[in-house]
Amino acid sequence: MISDPRNGGIAIIDFGSQYTQLIARRVREQGVYAEVFPHDITLERLSSKSPCAYILSGGPDSIYDIDAPKLYPAILNSGMPILGICYGMYLVANSFGGKVQASETREYGPGEIILKGTNPLFAGLPDDLDVWMSHGDHVTSLPPGFDLLAQSNNGIFAAIGDKTRKIYGVQFHPEVNHTPHGIDLIRNFIFDICGCEAKWSPAVFVNDALARIKNQVGDKRVLLGLSGGVDSAVAAALIH
């Protein structure tokens, strides 16, 4: 049986953010496999991938809207490390007993946050951080067991966390270049908090694909319909 090098990576749960694929890219750039899943995915399907943690993306909705996308409670209570980004932070706060409400003014663009004490998510980072904001809501009350990790200049909760359960939330977007230390935060989460291994790369993908193709095809022949697009061209190169 072929061992799947994609197991043990990060599952990115998508809530409609324009940055969701960028989150996955940032994780893969650290040598850790990342795969994007829809927000209505079940714990059973997620578990089949054996992820080491979940990252909840941002999104355009407000958590208090009637039709706002949610996540199966079993996933939130699975005991896996979780990092919620923007909308993902609101979902975490709301799901564990905190409160979220609309802000009087929407924050979009560069901002500054100030760390409150020490914690694993911000380990090794400066006390004052430049970040990129894009939100219209904010957390007004922390869930039980959570601590305030960072606060913006206007007093809004910028990061929260439950160190014991390894559940964190950030209001800003660490995945974009406009958050200079964002990749350091992501690295802290996937390696120090989650204990993921850096074992994924394009070369690993190619070798894994070749092994699977050889195992499936054996000594038979393959008929490929080559459209000239990226997908069929890559498939043709791997088969060849």
Protein backbone atom coordinates (compact mmCIF):
# COMPACT_ATOMS: atom_id res chain seq x y z
CA MET A 1 0.00 0.00 0.00
CA ILE A 2 1.32 3.43 -0.96
CA SER A 3 1.75 5.81 1.99
CA ASP A 4 0.00 9.13 1.37
CA PRO A 5 2.40 12.07 2.06
CA ARG A 6 -0.63 14.36 2.21
CA ASN A 7 -1.71 12.87 5.53
CA GLY A 8 -0.71 14.88 8.56
CA GLY A 9 -1.07 18.26 6.86
CA ILE A 10 -3.31 21.26 7.55
CA ALA A 11 -7.00 21.28 6.63
CA ILE A 12 -8.07 24.76 5.51
CA ILE A 13 -11.81 25.29 6.05
CA ASP A 14 -13.15 27.80 3.52
CA PHE A 15 -15.78 30.38 4.50
CA GLY A 16 -15.61 32.34 1.26
CA SER A 17 -12.49 34.45 1.77
CA GLN A 18 -10.62 35.79 -1.23
CA TYR A 19 -7.45 34.75 0.62
CA THR A 20 -8.30 31.09 1.30
CA GLN A 21 -6.01 29.68 -1.39
CA LEU A 22 -3.28 32.04 -0.20
CA ILE A 23 -3.51 30.53 3.30
CA ALA A 24 -2.96 27.09 1.78
CA ARG A 25 -0.02 28.38 -0.24
CA ARG A 26 1.64 29.90 2.84
CA VAL A 27 1.39 26.57 4.66
CA ARG A 28 2.76 24.59 1.71
CA GLU A 29 5.66 27.05 1.42
CA GLN A 30 6.71 25.82 4.87
CA GLY A 31 6.89 22.24 3.60
CA VAL A 32 3.55 21.19 5.11
CA TYR A 33 0.73 19.87 2.95
CA ALA A 34 -2.47 21.95 2.99
CA GLU A 35 -5.83 21.18 1.42
CA VAL A 36 -8.91 23.40 1.20
CA PHE A 37 -12.32 22.04 2.22
CA PRO A 38 -15.82 23.60 2.19
CA HIS A 39 -17.25 24.77 5.52
CA ASP A 40 -19.97 22.09 5.48
CA ILE A 41 -17.50 19.21 5.43
CA THR A 42 -18.01 16.48 8.02
CA LEU A 43 -15.53 15.40 10.67
CA GLU A 44 -15.53 11.89 9.18
CA ARG A 45 -14.35 13.15 5.81
CA LEU A 46 -11.75 15.43 7.38
CA SER A 47 -10.44 12.65 9.58
CA SER A 48 -9.79 10.47 6.52
CA LYS A 49 -6.99 12.92 5.64
CA SER A 50 -5.44 12.66 9.12
CA PRO A 51 -4.75 16.42 9.42
CA CYS A 52 -2.66 17.73 12.29
CA ALA A 53 -4.74 20.93 12.61
CA TYR A 54 -7.48 23.11 11.13
CA ILE A 55 -7.27 26.70 9.88
CA LEU A 56 -10.60 28.51 9.49
CA SER A 57 -10.52 31.15 6.75
CA GLY A 58 -12.08 34.58 6.67
CA GLY A 59 -15.25 35.34 4.77
CA PRO A 60 -17.68 38.08 3.72
CA ASP A 61 -20.50 37.09 6.10
CA SER A 62 -21.28 38.14 9.66
CA ILE A 63 -21.40 35.32 12.19
CA TYR A 64 -24.68 36.58 13.69
CA ASP A 65 -26.56 36.48 10.35
CA ILE A 66 -29.24 33.78 10.16
CA ASP A 67 -27.74 32.18 7.06
CA ALA A 68 -24.08 32.67 8.07
CA PRO A 69 -21.90 29.62 7.26
CA LYS A 70 -21.14 27.47 10.28
CA LEU A 71 -18.98 24.46 11.07
CA TYR A 72 -20.06 21.10 12.46
CA PRO A 73 -19.63 21.24 16.27
CA ALA A 74 -17.87 17.88 16.15
CA ILE A 75 -15.00 19.51 14.26
CA LEU A 76 -14.65 22.34 16.74
CA ASN A 77 -14.74 19.88 19.63
CA SER A 78 -12.46 17.27 18.03
CA GLY A 79 -9.48 18.22 20.17
CA MET A 80 -7.44 19.29 17.15
CA PRO A 81 -5.51 22.60 17.15
CA ILE A 82 -7.48 25.37 15.44
CA LEU A 83 -6.52 28.79 14.07
CA GLY A 84 -9.40 31.05 13.08
CA ILE A 85 -8.62 33.99 10.80
CA CYS A 86 -11.03 36.97 10.69
CA TYR A 87 -14.44 35.29 10.20
CA GLY A 88 -12.80 32.12 11.51
CA MET A 89 -12.01 33.98 14.75
CA TYR A 90 -15.61 35.14 15.07
CA LEU A 91 -16.84 31.59 14.53
CA VAL A 92 -14.49 30.31 17.23
CA ALA A 93 -15.51 33.03 19.68
CA ASN A 94 -19.23 32.59 19.01
CA SER A 95 -19.09 28.77 19.12
CA PHE A 96 -17.31 28.61 22.47
CA GLY A 97 -19.49 31.12 24.29
CA GLY A 98 -18.03 34.52 23.41
CA LYS A 99 -19.84 37.45 21.80
CA VAL A 100 -19.39 39.11 18.41
CA GLN A 101 -21.03 42.28 17.15
CA ALA A 102 -20.84 44.72 14.28
CA SER A 103 -18.30 47.54 14.50
CA GLU A 104 -19.36 51.15 14.04
CA THR A 105 -16.80 51.50 11.27
CA ARG A 106 -15.25 48.87 9.05
CA GLU A 107 -11.47 48.48 9.32
CA TYR A 108 -9.77 47.88 6.00
CA GLY A 109 -6.08 48.38 5.38
CA PRO A 110 -2.93 48.64 7.49
CA GLY A 111 -3.20 48.59 11.25
CA GLU A 112 -1.12 48.05 14.35
CA ILE A 113 -1.65 45.63 17.20
CA ILE A 114 -0.03 45.35 20.63
CA LEU A 115 0.68 41.97 22.22
CA LYS A 116 -0.65 41.21 25.69
CA GLY A 117 1.89 39.03 27.47
CA THR A 118 3.59 35.99 25.97
CA ASN A 119 2.00 33.07 24.17
CA PRO A 120 3.05 30.36 21.66
CA LEU A 121 1.26 31.92 18.67
CA PHE A 122 3.29 35.14 18.83
CA ALA A 123 6.51 33.60 20.17
CA GLY A 124 9.61 35.49 19.02
CA LEU A 125 7.62 38.38 17.51
CA PRO A 126 7.85 42.08 18.43
CA ASP A 127 5.38 43.48 20.97
CA ASP A 128 4.03 45.89 18.33
CA LEU A 129 3.05 44.41 14.96
CA ASP A 130 1.95 45.93 11.67
CA VAL A 131 -0.96 43.93 10.26
CA TRP A 132 -3.55 43.99 7.47
CA MET A 133 -7.18 44.38 8.55
CA SER A 134 -10.35 43.63 6.58
CA HIS A 135 -13.42 43.31 8.79
CA GLY A 136 -16.66 44.91 9.92
CA ASP A 137 -17.24 42.91 13.12
CA HIS A 138 -15.32 42.38 16.34
CA VAL A 139 -15.27 40.17 19.42
CA THR A 140 -16.75 41.95 22.43
CA SER A 141 -16.60 39.14 25.01
CA LEU A 142 -14.08 36.32 25.31
CA PRO A 143 -15.26 32.71 25.51
CA PRO A 144 -14.56 30.91 28.80
CA GLY A 145 -10.97 29.65 28.92
CA PHE A 146 -9.72 32.13 26.31
CA ASP A 147 -7.21 34.92 26.89
CA LEU A 148 -6.71 38.21 25.08
CA LEU A 149 -3.43 37.84 23.17
CA ALA A 150 -3.32 41.13 21.25
CA GLN A 151 -5.28 44.33 20.95
CA SER A 152 -5.48 46.97 18.24
CA ASN A 153 -4.79 50.65 18.87
CA ASN A 154 -8.52 51.35 19.03
CA GLY A 155 -9.02 48.78 21.78
CA ILE A 156 -10.51 45.98 19.67
CA PHE A 157 -9.54 42.36 20.38
CA ALA A 158 -7.01 41.48 17.67
CA ALA A 159 -6.09 37.96 18.82
CA ILE A 160 -7.49 35.48 21.32
CA GLY A 161 -6.45 32.01 22.40
CA ASP A 162 -6.99 29.01 24.63
CA LYS A 163 -3.49 27.65 25.16
CA THR A 164 -4.71 24.45 26.81
CA ARG A 165 -6.98 23.43 23.92
CA LYS A 166 -4.66 24.97 21.30
CA ILE A 167 -7.46 27.05 19.81
CA TYR A 168 -6.57 30.53 18.54
CA GLY A 169 -8.15 33.36 16.59
CA VAL A 170 -6.74 36.47 14.91
CA GLN A 171 -8.78 39.35 13.54
CA PHE A 172 -6.14 40.37 10.98
CA HIS A 173 -4.83 38.43 7.96
CA PRO A 174 -1.40 36.83 8.59
CA GLU A 175 -1.40 35.20 5.14
CA VAL A 176 -0.98 38.46 3.16
CA ASN A 177 2.30 40.26 2.50
CA HIS A 178 0.94 43.41 4.16
CA THR A 179 1.31 41.60 7.50
CA PRO A 180 5.14 41.47 7.63
CA HIS A 181 5.39 38.91 10.46
CA GLY A 182 2.37 36.93 9.34
CA ILE A 183 4.39 34.00 8.05
CA ASP A 184 6.18 33.82 11.41
CA LEU A 185 2.81 33.51 13.14
CA ILE A 186 1.72 30.78 10.71
CA ARG A 187 5.02 28.97 11.27
CA ASN A 188 4.54 29.15 15.04
CA PHE A 189 1.10 27.62 14.68
CA ILE A 190 1.89 24.75 12.32
CA PHE A 191 5.20 23.70 13.89
CA ASP A 192 5.35 24.78 17.55
CA ILE A 193 1.66 24.50 18.42
CA CYS A 194 0.53 21.70 16.08
CA GLY A 195 3.76 19.74 15.75
CA CYS A 196 3.42 19.29 11.98
CA GLU A 197 6.33 17.90 9.96
CA ALA A 198 7.88 19.63 6.96
CA LYS A 199 7.65 16.73 4.50
CA TRP A 200 5.72 18.17 1.55
CA SER A 201 7.22 19.65 -1.63
CA PRO A 202 6.61 19.66 -5.40
CA ALA A 203 9.13 16.83 -5.70
CA VAL A 204 7.23 14.79 -3.11
CA PHE A 205 4.01 15.39 -5.05
CA VAL A 206 5.60 14.21 -8.32
CA ASN A 207 7.06 11.08 -6.77
CA ASP A 208 3.78 10.29 -5.04
CA ALA A 209 1.82 10.77 -8.28
CA LEU A 210 4.24 8.59 -10.27
CA ALA A 211 4.01 5.80 -7.72
CA ARG A 212 0.21 5.92 -7.74
CA ILE A 213 0.03 5.93 -11.54
CA LYS A 214 2.40 2.96 -11.82
CA ASN A 215 0.43 1.10 -9.18
CA GLN A 216 -2.89 1.73 -10.96
CA VAL A 217 -1.79 1.23 -14.58
CA GLY A 218 0.64 -1.63 -14.13
CA ASP A 219 1.66 -3.02 -17.54
CA LYS A 220 -1.42 -1.64 -19.30
CA ARG A 221 -1.63 1.37 -21.64
CA VAL A 222 -3.35 4.73 -21.08
CA LEU A 223 -5.46 6.75 -23.53
CA LEU A 224 -5.22 10.45 -22.65
CA GLY A 225 -7.46 13.19 -24.06
CA LEU A 226 -5.06 16.15 -24.12
CA SER A 227 -6.91 19.48 -24.34
CA GLY A 228 -3.81 21.64 -24.03
CA GLY A 229 -4.92 23.00 -20.66
CA VAL A 230 -2.83 22.88 -17.49
CA ASP A 231 -4.61 19.89 -15.90
CA SER A 232 -4.42 17.53 -18.88
CA ALA A 233 -0.89 18.70 -19.77
CA VAL A 234 0.39 17.94 -16.26
CA ALA A 235 -1.44 14.60 -16.29
CA ALA A 236 0.19 13.77 -19.64
CA ALA A 237 3.66 14.63 -18.37
CA LEU A 238 3.21 12.48 -15.25
CA ILE A 239 1.82 9.54 -17.21
CA HIS A 240 4.66 9.80 -19.72
